[in-house]
Protein backbone atom coordinates (compact mmCIF):
# COMPACT_ATOMS: atom_id res chain seq x y z
CA MET A 1 0.00 0.00 0.00
CA SER A 2 1.35 3.38 -0.99
CA LYS A 3 1.87 5.79 1.92
CA LYS A 4 1.97 9.36 0.65
CA THR A 5 5.05 10.88 2.27
CA LEU A 6 6.11 14.49 2.75
CA VAL A 7 9.91 14.81 2.84
CA ILE A 8 10.90 18.05 4.58
CA GLY A 9 14.46 19.16 3.94
CA ALA A 10 14.66 17.64 0.45
CA SER A 11 17.86 18.03 -1.55
CA GLU A 12 18.90 17.52 -5.17
CA ASN A 13 22.33 16.42 -3.92
CA PRO A 14 22.55 12.61 -4.29
CA GLU A 15 24.90 12.50 -1.28
CA ARG A 16 22.18 13.83 1.06
CA TYR A 17 20.01 11.38 2.99
CA SER A 18 16.84 13.26 2.05
CA ASN A 19 17.68 12.60 -1.61
CA LYS A 20 18.37 8.91 -0.92
CA ALA A 21 15.06 8.71 0.96
CA ILE A 22 13.10 10.21 -1.95
CA MET A 23 14.70 7.71 -4.33
CA ALA A 24 14.01 4.78 -1.97
CA LEU A 25 10.41 5.86 -1.31
CA ARG A 26 9.76 6.08 -5.06
CA SER A 27 11.38 2.70 -5.71
CA HIS A 28 8.96 1.27 -3.11
CA GLN A 29 6.04 2.88 -5.02
CA HIS A 30 5.24 5.53 -2.39
CA GLU A 31 3.92 8.90 -3.56
CA VAL A 32 6.32 11.66 -2.48
CA ILE A 33 5.92 15.37 -1.87
CA ALA A 34 9.30 17.07 -1.41
CA LEU A 35 9.71 20.37 0.42
CA ALA A 36 12.80 22.58 0.73
CA LYS A 37 13.94 26.20 0.66
CA ARG A 38 15.01 25.81 -2.99
CA GLU A 39 13.07 24.32 -5.87
CA GLY A 40 14.58 21.38 -7.65
CA GLN A 41 14.03 17.90 -9.01
CA VAL A 42 14.84 14.42 -7.72
CA ASN A 43 14.06 11.93 -10.46
CA ASP A 44 10.28 12.24 -11.01
CA VAL A 45 9.69 14.31 -7.84
CA SER A 46 9.63 18.11 -7.95
CA ILE A 47 10.94 19.87 -4.86
CA GLN A 48 8.50 22.59 -3.88
CA THR A 49 9.07 25.59 -1.64
CA THR A 50 5.54 26.03 -0.28
CA PHE A 51 3.98 23.78 2.33
CA PRO A 52 1.27 21.49 0.86
CA ALA A 53 -1.72 22.63 2.89
CA THR A 54 -4.48 20.41 1.54
CA GLU A 55 -2.77 17.09 0.86
CA GLN A 56 -3.75 13.86 2.60
CA VAL A 57 -0.34 12.72 3.84
CA HIS A 58 0.33 9.48 5.68
CA THR A 59 3.89 10.19 6.82
CA VAL A 60 6.09 13.25 7.26
CA THR A 61 9.81 12.43 7.33
CA LEU A 62 12.15 15.13 8.61
CA TYR A 63 15.63 15.95 7.33
CA LEU A 64 15.95 19.27 9.19
CA GLY A 65 17.63 19.92 12.50
CA PRO A 66 15.36 20.85 15.44
CA ARG A 67 15.94 24.62 15.22
CA HIS A 68 14.81 24.63 11.57
CA GLN A 69 11.69 22.58 12.36
CA THR A 70 9.88 25.24 14.42
CA GLU A 71 8.50 27.09 11.38
CA TYR A 72 6.75 23.85 10.34
CA TYR A 73 5.23 22.81 13.71
CA ASN A 74 1.74 24.23 13.12
CA ALA A 75 1.59 23.27 9.45
CA ILE A 76 2.56 19.65 10.16
CA ILE A 77 0.06 19.35 13.02
CA LYS A 78 -2.66 20.89 10.82
CA LEU A 79 -1.78 18.39 8.05
CA ASN A 80 -2.56 15.66 10.61
CA PRO A 81 -0.36 12.86 9.20
CA GLU A 82 -0.48 9.43 10.79
CA ARG A 83 3.16 9.76 11.85
CA VAL A 84 6.23 11.98 11.75
CA ILE A 85 9.61 10.30 11.40
CA PHE A 86 12.55 12.04 13.07
CA ASN A 87 15.56 10.74 11.14
CA PRO A 88 18.97 10.59 12.90
CA GLY A 89 20.07 14.12 13.78
CA THR A 90 16.53 15.54 13.68
CA GLU A 91 15.36 14.30 17.09
CA ASN A 92 13.23 16.94 18.82
CA PRO A 93 11.53 16.02 22.12
CA GLU A 94 9.63 19.32 22.26
CA PHE A 95 8.00 18.82 18.84
CA ALA A 96 7.51 15.09 19.45
CA ALA A 97 5.49 15.95 22.58
CA GLN A 98 3.33 18.40 20.61
CA LEU A 99 2.70 15.77 17.94
CA SER A 100 1.75 13.14 20.53
CA ALA A 101 -0.59 15.61 22.24
CA SER A 102 -2.26 16.08 18.83
CA GLY A 103 -2.68 12.34 18.31
CA ILE A 104 0.14 12.06 15.77
CA LYS A 105 2.73 9.31 16.21
CA ALA A 106 6.25 10.70 16.63
CA GLU A 107 8.82 8.10 15.62
CA GLU A 108 12.60 8.34 15.99
CA ALA A 109 13.75 6.14 13.13
CA CYS A 110 15.54 6.12 9.80
CA THR A 111 13.30 6.15 6.74
CA LEU A 112 15.95 4.31 4.69
CA VAL A 113 16.25 1.53 7.29
CA LEU A 114 12.47 1.19 7.66
CA LEU A 115 12.15 0.81 3.87
CA SER A 116 15.04 -1.64 3.61
CA ILE A 117 13.63 -3.98 6.27
CA GLY A 118 10.04 -3.75 5.04
CA ASN A 119 8.79 -1.85 8.11
CA TYR A 120 7.78 1.40 6.45
């Protein structure tokens, strides 16, 4: 089953984990919305610079450090995804608590590992 995923902190740079995650999500047939400060393209996914306000998103996966996440708190909670994945280096107990209080699962995990072991 495809789980529409919003990747925040997307990068065109193939060395970046957000780029690897987009590629892996697509290879596992998941629909991807990519968000970053700069527009760009990763394979068949366009990187957009405006937050997708009306999308039905299953998972948000973060590739931004905690201090860059604050501007997205309200928008992510309003989006009401099933879960938010805090990839290594993005852990944020303050935001995780807000998500949990809103009924959204906050998961400290690695998107690439979850995909590779079939646990996404």
